[in-house]
Amino acid sequence: MALEDYEFGARRCSRDSICKFIPQYAIKDARFADCCPAISRYNLHAYSGGGRVIMANSLLQGRGEISEEVREIVFRCQLCGACQTSCHIVTELVEPLEIARELKFRCVEEGKENQALSSVRARLVKTNNIFGKKQSDRARWAEGLQAKDAGAEAVETLFFAGCRLSYDESFHPVARKSLQLMLEAGMDVGILGKAETCCGGRLFDMGYRDDFHKLAGTLAKRIRSSGAYRLVTACGCCYGTFRQFFPMAGIDLEGVEVLHVSEVLEELLGEGKVELKKAVPLRVAYHDPCHLGRLGEPYQRWEGQYVKQMGLWVAEPDREVRRGLGGVFDPPRKVISAIEGIRLVEMKRKREHAWCCGAGGGVLEAYPAFAAWTALERMKEVVDEGCDALVTACPWCETTFRMAIGESGGGGPRVMDLVELVAMAT
């Protein structure tokens, strides 16, 4: 796709600013009615989904260009998709999220990339991971576990750790426990080990489409070669990449089912293959990661056109409109609720209307202060609910929350991974 492919919808934006807020029916508190971190933080219409649509129209019609100011606005966007989820309640014609993404692609194509992200890209392309670490250290987290080498023998289930769980030692317990629970349940599971690479999702969100194609294409071949029919990850960002970005880029996993570890845990709990023996007396809130939740909705390519019938624009053939409803919402909540002693409470913005953690779209790397501000806005909801802990299911979310809390002086509710919580109960 290209920016031009979204011009039809872009020219029909109703300018109603609904993309700035969660839907009226979902608002529980006026303090937590905003949905877009960028417009909330910078308070200029250009930062909103609708503002980015206007920006795209200006570029497409030759009325504007990518100046330094425009570039800054383009890259100060987490691509969290909240604008599009709200927009698609009233219209299916406009695709503000995809337009915002295409604006990043256009900046890179015209040589007007963000310099901080350019450095990240160079490091990732060189080392196959976002941290620039040695490929030989990729599987250190799995040392001592009896997992098959999926590069050498066929497996039914492939566990994909991802960059953060592989290289950030603070997340090694999450990766190890995820794999251990599956092995103890008798699953035929393996890992790619040193052959695993970055999924490429952060490259895609930063605007580097061509680099993503190369990296993801190679990884897809290795996944298919493993013989696995299930691909499991404990990273929300990796999950969203496999479910959304791979098919968006035309990269086919050929029938491999993509699952988040929360879905597997729900399944194993139901079969009695994982037992939660210990009580965990905590009042917790669950944060829906964007790429696991609303952006975890599977992407379905549509090739058609809109025709006018009785004064209305109608898709021919029919298309599946992405409304953010098809992601992973219930499994994490069911796993948490199965733990004795836990009291799970919902925040004001939840499920497809959840507020972003702040990490996406390269914002964590290029604008860490904006990422931290976004995370602290979310923590206000956790505090408002009187919770002991915030539980989530993505290491990038957890990293950003912990960074923001640390920079603000510490204290308050702790941040936990879903698997960490399960480990406390087993």
Protein backbone atom coordinates (compact mmCIF):
# COMPACT_ATOMS: atom_id res chain seq x y z
CA MET A 1 0.00 0.00 0.00
CA ALA A 2 1.00 3.64 -0.40
CA LEU A 3 -0.28 6.95 0.91
CA GLU A 4 -2.14 7.45 -2.36
CA ASP A 5 -4.18 4.30 -1.70
CA TYR A 6 -5.83 6.01 1.26
CA GLU A 7 -6.69 9.26 -0.53
CA PHE A 8 -10.32 8.31 -1.18
CA GLY A 9 -11.04 7.96 2.53
CA ALA A 10 -8.78 10.83 3.55
CA ARG A 11 -10.78 13.26 1.43
CA ARG A 12 -13.97 12.14 3.17
CA CYS A 13 -12.92 12.71 6.77
CA SER A 14 -15.83 14.51 8.45
CA ARG A 15 -13.51 16.53 10.73
CA ASP A 16 -15.61 15.59 13.77
CA SER A 17 -12.59 15.02 16.09
CA ILE A 18 -14.08 11.76 17.33
CA CYS A 19 -10.58 10.32 16.83
CA LYS A 20 -9.41 12.26 19.90
CA PHE A 21 -11.67 10.54 22.41
CA ILE A 22 -12.96 7.14 23.37
CA PRO A 23 -16.63 6.74 22.33
CA GLN A 24 -19.16 8.57 24.46
CA TYR A 25 -20.80 5.34 25.59
CA ALA A 26 -17.44 4.12 26.96
CA ILE A 27 -16.57 7.25 28.94
CA LYS A 28 -16.75 6.55 32.68
CA ASP A 29 -14.87 9.61 33.89
CA ALA A 30 -14.12 12.89 32.09
CA ARG A 31 -10.52 12.71 33.31
CA PHE A 32 -10.02 9.57 31.25
CA ALA A 33 -11.92 10.39 28.06
CA ASP A 34 -8.96 11.04 25.74
CA CYS A 35 -7.73 8.21 23.53
CA CYS A 36 -4.78 9.73 21.64
CA PRO A 37 -1.56 10.44 23.58
CA ALA A 38 -0.16 12.81 20.93
CA ILE A 39 -3.06 15.26 20.79
CA SER A 40 -3.47 15.01 24.57
CA ARG A 41 0.19 15.86 25.16
CA TYR A 42 0.78 18.51 22.48
CA ASN A 43 -2.72 20.00 22.19
CA LEU A 44 -2.46 20.86 18.50
CA HIS A 45 -4.94 19.41 16.01
CA ALA A 46 -2.18 18.29 13.63
CA TYR A 47 -1.16 15.68 16.22
CA SER A 48 -4.56 13.96 16.15
CA GLY A 49 -5.66 11.25 13.76
CA GLY A 50 -7.79 13.76 11.87
CA GLY A 51 -4.91 16.23 11.78
CA ARG A 52 -2.67 13.62 10.21
CA VAL A 53 -5.38 12.92 7.62
CA ILE A 54 -5.40 16.64 6.74
CA MET A 55 -1.60 16.52 6.51
CA ALA A 56 -1.83 13.59 4.10
CA ASN A 57 -4.40 15.41 1.96
CA SER A 58 -2.11 18.42 1.78
CA LEU A 59 0.83 16.30 0.61
CA LEU A 60 -1.25 14.33 -1.90
CA GLN A 61 -2.73 17.47 -3.43
CA GLY A 62 0.61 19.26 -3.65
CA ARG A 63 -0.36 21.92 -1.12
CA GLY A 64 2.34 21.07 1.40
CA GLU A 65 5.68 19.38 1.94
CA ILE A 66 7.48 17.49 4.67
CA SER A 67 9.16 20.29 6.58
CA GLU A 68 11.11 19.78 9.80
CA GLU A 69 7.99 20.70 11.80
CA VAL A 70 5.84 18.24 9.86
CA ARG A 71 8.42 15.50 10.34
CA GLU A 72 8.41 16.02 14.11
CA ILE A 73 4.63 15.69 14.22
CA VAL A 74 4.70 12.57 12.04
CA PHE A 75 7.14 10.73 14.30
CA ARG A 76 5.53 11.83 17.55
CA CYS A 77 2.91 9.13 17.19
CA GLN A 78 2.85 5.72 18.87
CA LEU A 79 0.65 4.28 16.10
CA CYS A 80 -1.43 2.83 18.92
CA GLY A 81 -4.56 2.70 16.75
CA ALA A 82 -6.92 4.27 19.28
CA CYS A 83 -7.84 7.02 16.81
CA GLN A 84 -8.92 4.47 14.21
CA THR A 85 -10.91 2.41 16.70
CA SER A 86 -12.94 5.49 17.60
CA CYS A 87 -13.17 6.69 14.00
CA HIS A 88 -14.53 3.37 12.73
CA ILE A 89 -17.50 3.61 15.04
CA VAL A 90 -18.95 6.32 12.78
CA THR A 91 -17.32 5.62 9.40
CA GLU A 92 -15.36 2.89 7.66
CA LEU A 93 -14.04 5.13 4.89
CA VAL A 94 -11.15 6.78 6.73
CA GLU A 95 -8.06 4.90 7.93
CA PRO A 96 -6.25 7.36 10.24
CA LEU A 97 -3.88 4.74 11.65
CA GLU A 98 -2.73 3.51 8.24
CA ILE A 99 -2.39 7.09 7.01
CA ALA A 100 -0.22 7.94 10.04
CA ARG A 101 1.94 4.90 9.27
CA GLU A 102 2.22 5.82 5.58
CA LEU A 103 3.36 9.31 6.57
CA LYS A 104 6.30 7.72 8.39
CA PHE A 105 7.07 5.60 5.35
CA ARG A 106 6.94 8.71 3.15
CA CYS A 107 9.36 10.59 5.42
CA VAL A 108 11.87 7.73 5.25
CA GLU A 109 11.47 7.39 1.48
CA GLU A 110 12.18 11.11 1.04
CA GLY A 111 15.28 10.94 3.25
CA LYS A 112 13.62 12.85 6.09
CA GLU A 113 13.79 10.14 8.70
CA ASN A 114 14.10 10.74 12.42
CA GLN A 115 17.80 10.68 13.28
CA ALA A 116 17.38 8.87 16.60
CA LEU A 117 15.41 6.14 14.84
CA SER A 118 17.96 6.01 12.03
CA SER A 119 20.56 4.95 14.60
CA VAL A 120 18.22 2.30 16.01
CA ARG A 121 17.54 1.02 12.50
CA ALA A 122 21.26 0.75 11.67
CA ARG A 123 21.91 -1.19 14.87
CA LEU A 124 18.98 -3.54 14.31
CA VAL A 125 19.79 -4.27 10.67
CA LYS A 126 23.42 -5.00 11.57
CA THR A 127 22.77 -7.30 14.54
CA ASN A 128 19.21 -8.63 13.95
CA ASN A 129 18.05 -7.26 17.30
CA ILE A 130 17.04 -3.83 18.52
CA PHE A 131 19.66 -3.71 21.28
CA GLY A 132 22.69 -4.34 19.09
CA LYS A 133 23.64 -7.40 21.14
CA LYS A 134 25.48 -10.51 19.93
CA GLN A 135 23.43 -13.07 18.04
CA SER A 136 25.30 -15.80 19.92
CA ASP A 137 23.71 -14.56 23.18
CA ARG A 138 20.16 -14.66 21.85
CA ALA A 139 19.22 -17.96 23.52
CA ARG A 140 21.06 -17.54 26.83
CA TRP A 141 17.71 -17.09 28.57
CA ALA A 142 16.84 -20.74 27.78
CA GLU A 143 19.99 -22.35 29.18
CA GLY A 144 19.17 -25.49 31.18
CA LEU A 145 15.67 -25.91 29.78
CA GLN A 146 14.98 -29.04 27.75
CA ALA A 147 13.49 -27.34 24.72
CA LYS A 148 13.97 -28.72 21.24
CA ASP A 149 16.11 -26.87 18.72
CA ALA A 150 13.46 -26.04 16.13
CA GLY A 151 16.16 -25.41 13.57
CA ALA A 152 17.34 -29.01 13.80
CA GLU A 153 14.20 -31.04 14.47
CA ALA A 154 10.50 -30.67 13.81
CA VAL A 155 8.25 -29.30 16.55
CA GLU A 156 4.51 -28.83 16.92
CA THR A 157 4.78 -25.55 18.83
CA LEU A 158 7.44 -22.89 18.35
CA PHE A 159 8.05 -20.47 21.23
CA PHE A 160 9.27 -17.08 20.01
CA ALA A 161 10.90 -15.02 22.75
CA GLY A 162 11.54 -11.78 20.85
CA CYS A 163 14.26 -9.19 21.46
CA ARG A 164 13.19 -7.83 24.83
CA LEU A 165 12.71 -11.23 26.50
CA SER A 166 15.89 -12.59 24.91
CA TYR A 167 18.31 -9.80 25.81
CA ASP A 168 16.83 -7.93 28.78
CA GLU A 169 17.82 -10.11 31.74
CA SER A 170 15.03 -8.70 33.88
CA PHE A 171 12.61 -10.52 31.55
CA HIS A 172 14.45 -13.84 31.40
CA PRO A 173 12.23 -15.27 34.19
CA VAL A 174 9.15 -14.48 32.06
CA ALA A 175 10.59 -16.22 29.01
CA ARG A 176 11.80 -19.21 31.04
CA LYS A 177 8.54 -19.65 32.95
CA SER A 178 6.50 -19.39 29.73
CA LEU A 179 8.52 -22.16 28.12
CA GLN A 180 8.71 -24.22 31.31
CA LEU A 181 4.93 -24.26 31.77
CA MET A 182 4.44 -25.51 28.22
CA LEU A 183 7.11 -28.19 28.59
CA GLU A 184 5.70 -29.40 31.92
CA ALA A 185 2.26 -29.60 30.32
CA GLY A 186 3.65 -32.10 27.83
CA MET A 187 3.61 -29.83 24.80
CA ASP A 188 6.00 -30.58 21.92
CA VAL A 189 7.66 -27.17 21.96
CA GLY A 190 10.94 -25.84 20.64
CA ILE A 191 12.80 -22.58 20.08
CA LEU A 192 14.84 -21.21 17.21
CA GLY A 193 17.59 -20.31 19.66
CA LYS A 194 20.50 -18.50 18.03
CA ALA A 195 18.61 -18.60 14.71
CA GLU A 196 15.83 -16.41 16.10
CA THR A 197 15.89 -12.79 14.92
CA CYS A 198 13.88 -9.67 15.64
CA CYS A 199 10.32 -9.93 14.31
CA GLY A 200 10.85 -6.53 12.68
CA GLY A 201 7.74 -4.93 14.12
CA ARG A 202 9.51 -1.92 15.55
CA LEU A 203 11.25 -1.31 12.21
CA PHE A 204 7.85 -1.26 10.52
CA ASP A 205 6.41 1.16 13.08
CA MET A 206 9.44 3.44 12.75
CA GLY A 207 8.89 3.80 9.01
CA TYR A 208 11.42 1.31 7.62
CA ARG A 209 9.17 -0.78 5.42
CA ASP A 210 11.86 -2.23 3.13
CA ASP A 211 14.07 -3.31 6.02
CA PHE A 212 11.08 -4.94 7.66
CA HIS A 213 10.31 -6.92 4.50
CA LYS A 214 13.84 -8.33 4.37
CA LEU A 215 14.06 -9.23 8.05
CA ALA A 216 10.53 -10.60 8.38
CA GLY A 217 10.78 -12.56 5.14
CA THR A 218 13.87 -14.41 6.38
CA LEU A 219 12.30 -15.07 9.78
CA ALA A 220 9.10 -16.38 8.17
CA LYS A 221 11.12 -18.97 6.24
CA ARG A 222 12.70 -20.21 9.47
CA ILE A 223 9.34 -20.41 11.20
CA ARG A 224 7.84 -22.40 8.32
CA SER A 225 10.89 -24.69 8.19
CA SER A 226 10.40 -25.64 11.84
CA GLY A 227 7.29 -27.59 10.89
CA ALA A 228 5.40 -25.97 13.76
CA TYR A 229 1.70 -25.39 13.36
CA ARG A 230 1.57 -23.05 16.38
CA LEU A 231 3.72 -20.00 17.06
CA VAL A 232 3.56 -18.77 20.67
CA THR A 233 5.02 -15.55 22.03
CA ALA A 234 4.92 -13.78 25.39
CA CYS A 235 5.49 -10.37 23.76
CA GLY A 236 2.46 -8.31 22.77
CA CYS A 237 4.46 -6.41 20.14
CA CYS A 238 5.72 -9.60 18.49
CA TYR A 239 2.19 -10.98 18.53
CA GLY A 240 0.82 -7.92 16.75
CA THR A 241 3.63 -8.08 14.20
CA PHE A 242 2.87 -11.69 13.27
CA ARG A 243 -0.89 -11.14 13.22
CA GLN A 244 -0.97 -7.75 11.53
CA PHE A 245 2.28 -6.61 9.92
CA PHE A 246 3.24 -9.93 8.31
CA PRO A 247 -0.01 -10.29 6.32
CA MET A 248 -0.06 -6.53 5.67
CA ALA A 249 3.34 -6.92 4.01
CA GLY A 250 2.26 -10.05 2.14
CA ILE A 251 4.44 -12.36 4.25
CA ASP A 252 2.70 -15.72 4.64
CA LEU A 253 3.27 -18.08 7.58
CA GLU A 254 1.31 -20.69 5.63
CA GLY A 255 -1.27 -21.72 8.18
CA VAL A 256 0.85 -21.38 11.32
CA GLU A 257 -1.48 -20.31 14.14
CA VAL A 258 -0.16 -17.32 16.10
CA LEU A 259 -0.94 -17.36 19.82
CA HIS A 260 -0.04 -15.25 22.82
CA VAL A 261 1.12 -17.14 25.89
CA SER A 262 -2.01 -15.98 27.73
CA GLU A 263 -4.15 -17.93 25.26
CA VAL A 264 -2.04 -21.05 25.82
CA LEU A 265 -2.22 -20.63 29.60
CA GLU A 266 -6.00 -20.31 29.44
CA GLU A 267 -6.09 -23.53 27.42
CA LEU A 268 -3.76 -25.41 29.78
CA LEU A 269 -5.66 -24.25 32.86
CA GLY A 270 -8.89 -25.50 31.30
CA GLU A 271 -7.29 -28.90 30.64
CA GLY A 272 -5.89 -29.11 34.17
CA LYS A 273 -2.31 -29.17 32.87
CA VAL A 274 -1.34 -26.06 34.84
CA GLU A 275 -2.31 -25.85 38.50
CA LEU A 276 -2.52 -22.60 40.44
CA LYS A 277 -1.86 -23.81 43.98
CA LYS A 278 -0.98 -20.64 45.87
CA ALA A 279 -3.09 -17.63 46.76
CA VAL A 280 -1.86 -14.21 45.65
CA PRO A 281 -3.64 -11.54 47.72
CA LEU A 282 -3.43 -8.55 45.39
CA ARG A 283 -5.82 -5.98 43.94
CA VAL A 284 -4.70 -5.61 40.33
CA ALA A 285 -5.65 -3.81 37.13
CA TYR A 286 -4.91 -5.28 33.71
CA HIS A 287 -3.45 -3.11 30.96
CA ASP A 288 -4.34 -4.14 27.39
CA PRO A 289 -1.19 -3.77 25.24
CA CYS A 290 -2.07 -2.07 21.95
CA HIS A 291 -0.48 -4.73 19.72
CA LEU A 292 -2.07 -7.58 21.66
CA GLY A 293 -5.45 -5.89 22.03
CA ARG A 294 -6.96 -3.68 19.34
CA LEU A 295 -3.97 -4.13 17.02
CA GLY A 296 -3.92 -7.88 17.58
CA GLU A 297 -6.94 -8.10 15.33
CA PRO A 298 -5.91 -10.16 12.28
CA TYR A 299 -5.28 -8.16 9.13
CA GLN A 300 -7.29 -9.09 6.07
CA ARG A 301 -6.31 -7.58 2.76
CA TRP A 302 -9.18 -6.03 0.81
CA GLU A 303 -9.02 -5.26 -2.88
CA GLY A 304 -12.11 -3.47 -4.00
CA GLN A 305 -13.67 -0.06 -4.33
CA TYR A 306 -16.41 2.08 -2.88
CA VAL A 307 -19.45 2.78 -5.02
CA LYS A 308 -22.30 5.14 -4.29
CA GLN A 309 -25.66 3.51 -3.69
CA MET A 310 -28.70 5.55 -2.62
CA GLY A 311 -26.40 8.37 -1.55
CA LEU A 312 -24.11 6.16 0.55
CA TRP A 313 -20.63 4.84 -0.16
CA VAL A 314 -20.71 1.04 -0.12
CA ALA A 315 -17.74 -1.34 -0.30
CA GLU A 316 -17.69 -3.76 -3.22
CA PRO A 317 -16.98 -6.49 -2.42
CA ASP A 318 -17.81 -6.35 1.28
CA ARG A 319 -14.81 -5.70 3.51
CA GLU A 320 -14.00 -6.60 7.09
CA VAL A 321 -13.64 -3.27 8.87
CA ARG A 322 -11.00 -3.21 11.60
CA ARG A 323 -12.71 -1.97 14.76
CA GLY A 324 -10.17 -3.26 17.29
CA LEU A 325 -12.51 -5.94 18.62
CA GLY A 326 -10.66 -9.04 17.43
CA GLY A 327 -7.57 -8.90 19.62
CA VAL A 328 -6.66 -10.85 22.75
CA PHE A 329 -8.73 -9.40 25.59
CA ASP A 330 -10.36 -12.22 27.55
CA PRO A 331 -7.56 -14.82 27.98
CA PRO A 332 -5.32 -12.62 30.18
CA ARG A 333 -8.28 -11.64 32.33
CA LYS A 334 -9.41 -15.26 32.71
CA VAL A 335 -5.92 -16.37 33.73
CA ILE A 336 -5.65 -13.57 36.31
CA SER A 337 -9.12 -14.28 37.68
CA ALA A 338 -8.27 -17.98 38.10
CA ILE A 339 -5.66 -17.13 40.75
CA GLU A 340 -6.97 -17.39 44.30
CA GLY A 341 -6.78 -14.16 46.27
CA ILE A 342 -6.59 -11.90 43.23
CA ARG A 343 -9.11 -9.11 42.84
CA LEU A 344 -9.11 -7.93 39.24
CA VAL A 345 -10.55 -4.46 38.64
CA GLU A 346 -11.03 -2.69 35.33
CA MET A 347 -9.63 0.74 34.54
CA LYS A 348 -11.79 3.42 32.94
CA ARG A 349 -10.17 2.91 29.53
CA LYS A 350 -10.00 -0.77 28.71
CA ARG A 351 -10.02 -3.40 25.99
CA GLU A 352 -10.17 -1.79 22.51
CA HIS A 353 -10.28 1.68 24.10
CA ALA A 354 -7.27 1.18 26.39
CA TRP A 355 -4.77 4.02 26.74
CA CYS A 356 -1.34 3.30 25.20
CA CYS A 357 1.75 2.63 27.36
CA GLY A 358 3.74 5.09 25.24
CA ALA A 359 6.38 2.77 23.77
CA GLY A 360 5.15 2.22 20.21
CA GLY A 361 5.98 3.82 16.89
CA GLY A 362 9.58 4.50 17.89
CA VAL A 363 8.44 7.05 20.48
CA LEU A 364 10.27 5.26 23.31
CA GLU A 365 13.54 5.50 21.37
CA ALA A 366 13.11 8.97 19.82
CA TYR A 367 11.00 10.83 22.39
CA PRO A 368 11.47 9.10 25.76
CA ALA A 369 9.97 12.03 27.68
CA PHE A 370 6.76 11.73 25.65
CA ALA A 371 6.73 7.97 26.20
CA ALA A 372 7.15 8.47 29.96
CA TRP A 373 4.38 11.09 30.05
CA THR A 374 2.04 8.67 28.28
CA ALA A 375 2.88 5.87 30.71
CA LEU A 376 2.29 8.07 33.74
CA GLU A 377 -1.11 9.08 32.38
CA ARG A 378 -1.99 5.38 32.41
CA MET A 379 -0.63 4.93 35.93
CA LYS A 380 -3.06 7.63 37.11
CA GLU A 381 -5.87 5.22 36.27
CA VAL A 382 -4.19 2.42 38.22
CA VAL A 383 -3.85 4.66 41.28
CA ASP A 384 -7.44 5.85 40.84
CA GLU A 385 -8.62 2.24 41.18
CA GLY A 386 -6.61 1.74 44.38
CA CYS A 387 -4.59 -1.14 42.93
CA ASP A 388 -1.53 -2.82 44.39
CA ALA A 389 -0.21 -3.70 40.94
CA LEU A 390 -0.61 -3.15 37.23
CA VAL A 391 -0.47 -6.42 35.29
CA THR A 392 0.14 -6.54 31.56
CA ALA A 393 1.30 -8.99 28.90
CA CYS A 394 3.97 -7.16 26.92
CA PRO A 395 7.57 -6.49 28.01
CA TRP A 396 7.67 -3.20 26.10
CA CYS A 397 4.70 -1.90 28.08
CA GLU A 398 6.29 -3.04 31.33
CA THR A 399 9.62 -1.43 30.44
CA THR A 400 7.98 1.92 29.70
CA PHE A 401 5.85 1.89 32.84
CA ARG A 402 8.85 1.07 35.03
CA MET A 403 11.00 3.70 33.34
CA ALA A 404 8.35 6.36 33.84
CA ILE A 405 7.76 5.42 37.47
CA GLY A 406 11.49 5.46 38.17
CA GLU A 407 11.99 8.86 36.56
CA SER A 408 9.07 10.31 38.52
CA GLY A 409 10.57 9.29 41.85
CA GLY A 410 9.31 5.72 42.23
CA GLY A 411 6.66 4.39 44.55
CA GLY A 412 3.06 3.50 43.83
CA PRO A 413 1.66 0.28 42.33
CA ARG A 414 4.15 -2.29 41.08
CA VAL A 415 4.27 -3.36 37.44
CA MET A 416 4.02 -7.09 36.75
CA ASP A 417 3.94 -9.46 33.81
CA LEU A 418 1.03 -11.89 33.55
CA VAL A 419 3.45 -14.84 33.53
CA GLU A 420 5.18 -13.44 36.62
CA LEU A 421 1.82 -13.45 38.39
CA VAL A 422 1.16 -17.04 37.31
CA ALA A 423 4.61 -18.04 38.59
CA MET A 424 3.68 -16.69 42.03
CA ALA A 425 0.61 -18.93 42.06
CA THR A 426 2.23 -22.18 40.86
